């Protein structure tokens, strides 16, 4: 079982099936949208 966690806010995004227990980091939709808003200002 694996877990994908937001690297910005540390919330759990989703779980996925895997042979090993693992944690992967990505950005959730909320934090990803905030990043784009900062770029346009």
PDB file of N, CA and C in Angstrom:
ATOM      1  N   UNK A   1       0.852  -1.183   0.000  1.00  0.00           N
ATOM      2  CA  UNK A   1       0.000   0.000   0.000  1.00  0.00           C
ATOM      3  C   UNK A   1       0.887   1.232   0.000  1.00  0.00           C
ATOM      4  N   UNK A   2       0.595   2.145  -0.874  1.00  0.00           N
ATOM      5  CA  UNK A   2       1.336   3.389  -0.933  1.00  0.00           C
ATOM      6  C   UNK A   2       0.418   4.573  -0.706  1.00  0.00           C
ATOM      7  N   UNK A   3       1.001   5.674  -0.331  1.00  0.00           N
ATOM      8  CA  UNK A   3       0.252   6.896  -0.067  1.00  0.00           C
ATOM      9  C   UNK A   3       0.909   8.044  -0.816  1.00  0.00           C
ATOM     10  N   UNK A   4       0.099   8.884  -1.440  1.00  0.00           N
ATOM     11  CA  UNK A   4       0.609  10.108  -2.056  1.00  0.00           C
ATOM     12  C   UNK A   4       0.200  11.262  -1.153  1.00  0.00           C
ATOM     13  N   UNK A   5       1.201  12.056  -0.728  1.00  0.00           N
ATOM     14  CA  UNK A   5       1.005  13.138   0.232  1.00  0.00           C
ATOM     15  C   UNK A   5       1.404  14.462  -0.416  1.00  0.00           C
ATOM     16  N   UNK A   6       0.679  15.524  -0.122  1.00  0.00           N
ATOM     17  CA  UNK A   6       1.025  16.852  -0.635  1.00  0.00           C
ATOM     18  C   UNK A   6       2.297  17.341   0.054  1.00  0.00           C
ATOM     19  N   UNK A   7       3.277  17.746  -0.741  1.00  0.00           N
ATOM     20  CA  UNK A   7       4.547  18.204  -0.168  1.00  0.00           C
ATOM     21  C   UNK A   7       4.431  19.588   0.454  1.00  0.00           C
ATOM     22  N   UNK A   8       3.361  20.313   0.173  1.00  0.00           N
ATOM     23  CA  UNK A   8       3.183  21.649   0.713  1.00  0.00           C
ATOM     24  C   UNK A   8       2.386  21.636   2.021  1.00  0.00           C
ATOM     25  N   UNK A   9       1.226  20.985   2.012  1.00  0.00           N
ATOM     26  CA  UNK A   9       0.358  21.022   3.197  1.00  0.00           C
ATOM     27  C   UNK A   9       0.304  19.692   3.946  1.00  0.00           C
ATOM     28  N   UNK A  10       0.989  18.669   3.466  1.00  0.00           N
ATOM     29  CA  UNK A  10       1.057  17.343   4.103  1.00  0.00           C
ATOM     30  C   UNK A  10      -0.277  16.618   4.204  1.00  0.00           C
ATOM     31  N   UNK A  11      -1.268  16.991   3.391  1.00  0.00           N
ATOM     32  CA  UNK A  11      -2.522  16.250   3.400  1.00  0.00           C
ATOM     33  C   UNK A  11      -2.401  15.033   2.487  1.00  0.00           C
ATOM     34  N   UNK A  12      -3.147  13.993   2.799  1.00  0.00           N
ATOM     35  CA  UNK A  12      -3.145  12.785   1.988  1.00  0.00           C
ATOM     36  C   UNK A  12      -3.964  13.038   0.731  1.00  0.00           C
ATOM     37  N   UNK A  13      -3.357  12.789  -0.430  1.00  0.00           N
ATOM     38  CA  UNK A  13      -4.050  12.996  -1.702  1.00  0.00           C
ATOM     39  C   UNK A  13      -4.793  11.724  -2.094  1.00  0.00           C
ATOM     40  N   UNK A  14      -4.094  10.583  -2.081  1.00  0.00           N
ATOM     41  CA  UNK A  14      -4.714   9.309  -2.456  1.00  0.00           C
ATOM     42  C   UNK A  14      -3.852   8.156  -1.978  1.00  0.00           C
ATOM     43  N   UNK A  15      -4.403   6.964  -2.091  1.00  0.00           N
ATOM     44  CA  UNK A  15      -3.673   5.731  -1.788  1.00  0.00           C
ATOM     45  C   UNK A  15      -3.590   4.916  -3.065  1.00  0.00           C
ATOM     46  N   UNK A  16      -2.553   4.084  -3.185  1.00  0.00           N
ATOM     47  CA  UNK A  16      -2.424   3.213  -4.345  1.00  0.00           C
ATOM     48  C   UNK A  16      -1.870   1.861  -3.918  1.00  0.00           C
ATOM     49  N   UNK A  17      -2.123   0.858  -4.750  1.00  0.00           N
ATOM     50  CA  UNK A  17      -1.668  -0.495  -4.460  1.00  0.00           C
ATOM     51  C   UNK A  17      -0.211  -0.643  -4.872  1.00  0.00           C
ATOM     52  N   UNK A  18       0.604  -1.189  -3.984  1.00  0.00           N
ATOM     53  CA  UNK A  18       2.010  -1.447  -4.253  1.00  0.00           C
ATOM     54  C   UNK A  18       2.447  -2.589  -3.355  1.00  0.00           C
ATOM     55  N   UNK A  19       3.491  -3.293  -3.753  1.00  0.00           N
ATOM     56  CA  UNK A  19       3.981  -4.406  -2.939  1.00  0.00           C
ATOM     57  C   UNK A  19       4.604  -3.909  -1.640  1.00  0.00           C
ATOM     58  N   UNK A  20       5.218  -2.743  -1.677  1.00  0.00           N
ATOM     59  CA  UNK A  20       5.876  -2.185  -0.500  1.00  0.00           C
ATOM     60  C   UNK A  20       5.059  -1.014   0.049  1.00  0.00           C
ATOM     61  N   UNK A  21       5.259  -0.731   1.318  1.00  0.00           N
ATOM     62  CA  UNK A  21       4.659   0.466   1.910  1.00  0.00           C
ATOM     63  C   UNK A  21       5.539   1.636   1.517  1.00  0.00           C
ATOM     64  N   UNK A  22       4.957   2.644   0.878  1.00  0.00           N
ATOM     65  CA  UNK A  22       5.757   3.774   0.421  1.00  0.00           C
ATOM     66  C   UNK A  22       4.957   5.061   0.517  1.00  0.00           C
ATOM     67  N   UNK A  23       5.691   6.166   0.553  1.00  0.00           N
ATOM     68  CA  UNK A  23       5.083   7.491   0.564  1.00  0.00           C
ATOM     69  C   UNK A  23       5.707   8.276  -0.583  1.00  0.00           C
ATOM     70  N   UNK A  24       4.862   8.806  -1.450  1.00  0.00           N
ATOM     71  CA  UNK A  24       5.314   9.653  -2.542  1.00  0.00           C
ATOM     72  C   UNK A  24       4.779  11.057  -2.298  1.00  0.00           C
ATOM     73  N   UNK A  25       5.537  12.051  -2.742  1.00  0.00           N
ATOM     74  CA  UNK A  25       5.125  13.437  -2.533  1.00  0.00           C
ATOM     75  C   UNK A  25       4.779  14.098  -3.855  1.00  0.00           C
ATOM     76  N   UNK A  26       3.713  14.886  -3.853  1.00  0.00           N
ATOM     77  CA  UNK A  26       3.250  15.647  -5.008  1.00  0.00           C
ATOM     78  C   UNK A  26       2.596  16.904  -4.458  1.00  0.00           C
ATOM     79  N   UNK A  27       1.909  17.642  -5.305  1.00  0.00           N
ATOM     80  CA  UNK A  27       1.146  18.801  -4.839  1.00  0.00           C
ATOM     81  C   UNK A  27      -0.330  18.541  -5.088  1.00  0.00           C
ATOM     82  N   UNK A  28      -1.147  18.800  -4.072  1.00  0.00           N
ATOM     83  CA  UNK A  28      -2.587  18.618  -4.221  1.00  0.00           C
ATOM     84  C   UNK A  28      -3.145  19.731  -5.112  1.00  0.00           C
ATOM     85  N   UNK A  29      -4.385  19.549  -5.569  1.00  0.00           N
ATOM     86  CA  UNK A  29      -5.006  20.533  -6.459  1.00  0.00           C
ATOM     87  C   UNK A  29      -5.075  21.908  -5.823  1.00  0.00           C
ATOM     88  N   UNK A  30      -5.370  21.967  -4.528  1.00  0.00           N
ATOM     89  CA  UNK A  30      -5.498  23.252  -3.843  1.00  0.00           C
ATOM     90  C   UNK A  30      -4.160  24.001  -3.831  1.00  0.00           C
ATOM     91  N   UNK A  31      -3.076  23.339  -3.458  1.00  0.00           N
ATOM     92  CA  UNK A  31      -1.760  23.982  -3.405  1.00  0.00           C
ATOM     93  C   UNK A  31      -1.239  24.279  -4.799  1.00  0.00           C
ATOM     94  N   UNK A  32      -1.566  23.426  -5.758  1.00  0.00           N
ATOM     95  CA  UNK A  32      -1.142  23.641  -7.136  1.00  0.00           C
ATOM     96  C   UNK A  32      -1.799  24.900  -7.705  1.00  0.00           C
ATOM     97  N   UNK A  33      -3.080  25.122  -7.382  1.00  0.00           N
ATOM     98  CA  UNK A  33      -3.788  26.326  -7.837  1.00  0.00           C
ATOM     99  C   UNK A  33      -3.194  27.570  -7.191  1.00  0.00           C
ATOM    100  N   UNK A  34      -2.853  27.514  -5.904  1.00  0.00           N
ATOM    101  CA  UNK A  34      -2.246  28.651  -5.214  1.00  0.00           C
ATOM    102  C   UNK A  34      -0.927  29.037  -5.865  1.00  0.00           C
ATOM    103  N   UNK A  35      -0.159  28.063  -6.303  1.00  0.00           N
ATOM    104  CA  UNK A  35       1.126  28.312  -6.943  1.00  0.00           C
ATOM    105  C   UNK A  35       0.932  29.089  -8.241  1.00  0.00           C
ATOM    106  N   UNK A  36      -0.081  28.706  -9.031  1.00  0.00           N
ATOM    107  CA  UNK A  36      -0.337  29.396 -10.293  1.00  0.00           C
ATOM    108  C   UNK A  36      -0.810  30.838 -10.065  1.00  0.00           C
ATOM    109  N   UNK A  37      -1.577  31.066  -9.016  1.00  0.00           N
ATOM    110  CA  UNK A  37      -2.048  32.420  -8.719  1.00  0.00           C
ATOM    111  C   UNK A  37      -0.877  33.333  -8.368  1.00  0.00           C
ATOM    112  N   UNK A  38       0.128  32.813  -7.646  1.00  0.00           N
ATOM    113  CA  UNK A  38       1.295  33.609  -7.274  1.00  0.00           C
ATOM    114  C   UNK A  38       2.125  33.956  -8.505  1.00  0.00           C
ATOM    115  N   UNK A  39       2.188  33.046  -9.482  1.00  0.00           N
ATOM    116  CA  UNK A  39       2.966  33.274 -10.700  1.00  0.00           C
ATOM    117  C   UNK A  39       2.388  34.391 -11.552  1.00  0.00           C
ATOM    118  N   UNK A  40       1.067  34.568 -11.523  1.00  0.00           N
ATOM    119  CA  UNK A  40       0.433  35.554 -12.390  1.00  0.00           C
ATOM    120  C   UNK A  40       0.453  36.960 -11.804  1.00  0.00           C
ATOM    121  N   UNK A  41       0.765  37.088 -10.530  1.00  0.00           N
ATOM    122  CA  UNK A  41       0.773  38.425  -9.901  1.00  0.00           C
ATOM    123  C   UNK A  41       2.062  39.152 -10.163  1.00  0.00           C
TER     124      UNK A  41
END
